[in-house]
Amino acid sequence: MEDSPWQTLTLIVSLEAIFLSAFVMIGQNRQAEFTRKKADHDYLSQELELRHNTQLTELVHTLTVEIHKAVNAAAADETDAGENAEQVPTATA
């Protein structure tokens, strides 16, 4: 037996702490890498979704403008036809 086992015990506990901290840091680095890759993927998918939504919004706007033009043209044609009908005399026998 040793005269004073405290020095050996301190050495063993210190080595254990060194290894434990190294393993914790390795785990944190892996988690950080995973989190970074996930954030990159999320960013790219959100950008793609935004681009898609923007295209759909522009398409809806274009279709809405075309519908309004068609409705206004039809209304104008009906108005012109109504005015012409009133101006044309009808022959009565």
C-alpha atoms as a PDB file:
ATOM      1  CA  MET A   1       0.000   0.000   0.000  1.00  0.00           C
ATOM      2  CA  GLU A   2       0.973   3.524  -0.612  1.00  0.00           C
ATOM      3  CA  ASP A   3       1.672   5.889   2.163  1.00  0.00           C
ATOM      4  CA  SER A   4      -0.601   8.517   0.635  1.00  0.00           C
ATOM      5  CA  PRO A   5      -3.141   7.308  -1.998  1.00  0.00           C
ATOM      6  CA  TRP A   6      -4.454  10.858  -2.508  1.00  0.00           C
ATOM      7  CA  GLN A   7      -1.963  11.738  -5.204  1.00  0.00           C
ATOM      8  CA  THR A   8      -2.863   8.666  -7.267  1.00  0.00           C
ATOM      9  CA  LEU A   9      -6.571   9.293  -6.733  1.00  0.00           C
ATOM     10  CA  THR A  10      -6.184  12.924  -7.839  1.00  0.00           C
ATOM     11  CA  LEU A  11      -4.302  11.798 -10.949  1.00  0.00           C
ATOM     12  CA  ILE A  12      -6.995   9.259 -11.840  1.00  0.00           C
ATOM     13  CA  VAL A  13      -9.846  11.742 -11.313  1.00  0.00           C
ATOM     14  CA  SER A  14      -8.023  14.391 -13.375  1.00  0.00           C
ATOM     15  CA  LEU A  15      -7.489  11.968 -16.259  1.00  0.00           C
ATOM     16  CA  GLU A  16     -11.147  10.965 -16.087  1.00  0.00           C
ATOM     17  CA  ALA A  17     -12.178  14.625 -16.281  1.00  0.00           C
ATOM     18  CA  ILE A  18      -9.897  15.192 -19.276  1.00  0.00           C
ATOM     19  CA  PHE A  19     -11.360  12.244 -21.200  1.00  0.00           C
ATOM     20  CA  LEU A  20     -14.912  13.138 -20.239  1.00  0.00           C
ATOM     21  CA  SER A  21     -14.514  16.728 -21.407  1.00  0.00           C
ATOM     22  CA  ALA A  22     -12.962  15.520 -24.691  1.00  0.00           C
ATOM     23  CA  PHE A  23     -15.934  13.220 -25.344  1.00  0.00           C
ATOM     24  CA  VAL A  24     -18.411  15.976 -24.501  1.00  0.00           C
ATOM     25  CA  MET A  25     -16.685  18.374 -26.904  1.00  0.00           C
ATOM     26  CA  ILE A  26     -16.706  15.752 -29.684  1.00  0.00           C
ATOM     27  CA  GLY A  27     -20.437  15.252 -29.124  1.00  0.00           C
ATOM     28  CA  GLN A  28     -21.071  18.993 -29.196  1.00  0.00           C
ATOM     29  CA  ASN A  29     -19.132  19.348 -32.448  1.00  0.00           C
ATOM     30  CA  ARG A  30     -21.198  16.584 -34.045  1.00  0.00           C
ATOM     31  CA  GLN A  31     -24.418  18.189 -32.842  1.00  0.00           C
ATOM     32  CA  ALA A  32     -23.301  21.595 -34.134  1.00  0.00           C
ATOM     33  CA  GLU A  33     -22.496  20.110 -37.555  1.00  0.00           C
ATOM     34  CA  PHE A  34     -25.897  18.388 -37.684  1.00  0.00           C
ATOM     35  CA  THR A  35     -27.649  21.626 -36.686  1.00  0.00           C
ATOM     36  CA  ARG A  36     -25.758  23.596 -39.341  1.00  0.00           C
ATOM     37  CA  LYS A  37     -26.653  21.102 -42.077  1.00  0.00           C
ATOM     38  CA  LYS A  38     -30.299  21.130 -41.006  1.00  0.00           C
ATOM     39  CA  ALA A  39     -30.370  24.938 -41.010  1.00  0.00           C
ATOM     40  CA  ASP A  40     -28.853  25.001 -44.517  1.00  0.00           C
ATOM     41  CA  HIS A  41     -31.435  22.501 -45.744  1.00  0.00           C
ATOM     42  CA  ASP A  42     -34.289  24.447 -44.147  1.00  0.00           C
ATOM     43  CA  TYR A  43     -33.046  27.685 -45.705  1.00  0.00           C
ATOM     44  CA  LEU A  44     -32.861  26.152 -49.186  1.00  0.00           C
ATOM     45  CA  SER A  45     -36.302  24.579 -48.914  1.00  0.00           C
ATOM     46  CA  GLN A  46     -37.800  27.870 -47.679  1.00  0.00           C
ATOM     47  CA  GLU A  47     -36.187  29.761 -50.559  1.00  0.00           C
ATOM     48  CA  LEU A  48     -37.604  27.246 -53.028  1.00  0.00           C
ATOM     49  CA  GLU A  49     -41.049  27.534 -51.426  1.00  0.00           C
ATOM     50  CA  LEU A  50     -40.866  31.345 -51.544  1.00  0.00           C
ATOM     51  CA  ARG A  51     -39.907  31.276 -55.227  1.00  0.00           C
ATOM     52  CA  HIS A  52     -42.781  28.896 -55.976  1.00  0.00           C
ATOM     53  CA  ASN A  53     -45.281  31.026 -54.045  1.00  0.00           C
ATOM     54  CA  THR A  54     -44.068  34.165 -55.819  1.00  0.00           C
ATOM     55  CA  GLN A  55     -44.576  32.536 -59.211  1.00  0.00           C
ATOM     56  CA  LEU A  56     -48.073  31.430 -58.230  1.00  0.00           C
ATOM     57  CA  THR A  57     -48.935  34.905 -56.958  1.00  0.00           C
ATOM     58  CA  GLU A  58     -47.727  36.490 -60.200  1.00  0.00           C
ATOM     59  CA  LEU A  59     -49.736  33.964 -62.215  1.00  0.00           C
ATOM     60  CA  VAL A  60     -52.881  34.657 -60.173  1.00  0.00           C
ATOM     61  CA  HIS A  61     -52.364  38.396 -60.684  1.00  0.00           C
ATOM     62  CA  THR A  62     -51.960  37.948 -64.448  1.00  0.00           C
ATOM     63  CA  LEU A  63     -55.091  35.805 -64.650  1.00  0.00           C
ATOM     64  CA  THR A  64     -57.039  38.302 -62.548  1.00  0.00           C
ATOM     65  CA  VAL A  65     -56.043  41.164 -64.850  1.00  0.00           C
ATOM     66  CA  GLU A  66     -57.068  39.128 -67.910  1.00  0.00           C
ATOM     67  CA  ILE A  67     -60.431  38.238 -66.349  1.00  0.00           C
ATOM     68  CA  HIS A  68     -61.084  41.880 -65.499  1.00  0.00           C
ATOM     69  CA  LYS A  69     -60.254  42.910 -69.062  1.00  0.00           C
ATOM     70  CA  ALA A  70     -62.575  40.234 -70.471  1.00  0.00           C
ATOM     71  CA  VAL A  71     -65.416  41.200 -68.130  1.00  0.00           C
ATOM     72  CA  ASN A  72     -64.988  44.896 -68.892  1.00  0.00           C
ATOM     73  CA  ALA A  73     -64.884  44.187 -72.655  1.00  0.00           C
ATOM     74  CA  ALA A  74     -68.039  42.072 -72.419  1.00  0.00           C
ATOM     75  CA  ALA A  75     -69.786  44.782 -70.419  1.00  0.00           C
ATOM     76  CA  ALA A  76     -68.730  47.409 -72.952  1.00  0.00           C
ATOM     77  CA  ASP A  77     -70.012  45.230 -75.827  1.00  0.00           C
ATOM     78  CA  GLU A  78     -73.356  44.787 -74.052  1.00  0.00           C
ATOM     79  CA  THR A  79     -73.599  48.527 -73.468  1.00  0.00           C
ATOM     80  CA  ASP A  80     -72.798  49.261 -77.136  1.00  0.00           C
ATOM     81  CA  ALA A  81     -75.324  46.669 -78.321  1.00  0.00           C
ATOM     82  CA  GLY A  82     -77.995  48.134 -76.047  1.00  0.00           C
ATOM     83  CA  GLU A  83     -77.379  51.656 -77.327  1.00  0.00           C
ATOM     84  CA  ASN A  84     -77.453  50.467 -80.955  1.00  0.00           C
ATOM     85  CA  ALA A  85     -80.718  48.613 -80.392  1.00  0.00           C
ATOM     86  CA  GLU A  86     -82.317  51.748 -79.053  1.00  0.00           C
ATOM     87  CA  GLN A  87     -81.103  53.775 -82.053  1.00  0.00           C
ATOM     88  CA  VAL A  88     -82.265  51.338 -84.755  1.00  0.00           C
ATOM     89  CA  PRO A  89     -85.912  51.939 -85.593  1.00  0.00           C
ATOM     90  CA  THR A  90     -88.033  48.883 -85.811  1.00  0.00           C
ATOM     91  CA  ALA A  91     -90.418  48.479 -88.682  1.00  0.00           C
ATOM     92  CA  THR A  92     -93.994  47.848 -87.745  1.00  0.00           C
ATOM     93  CA  ALA A  93     -96.491  46.554 -90.195  1.00  0.00           C
END
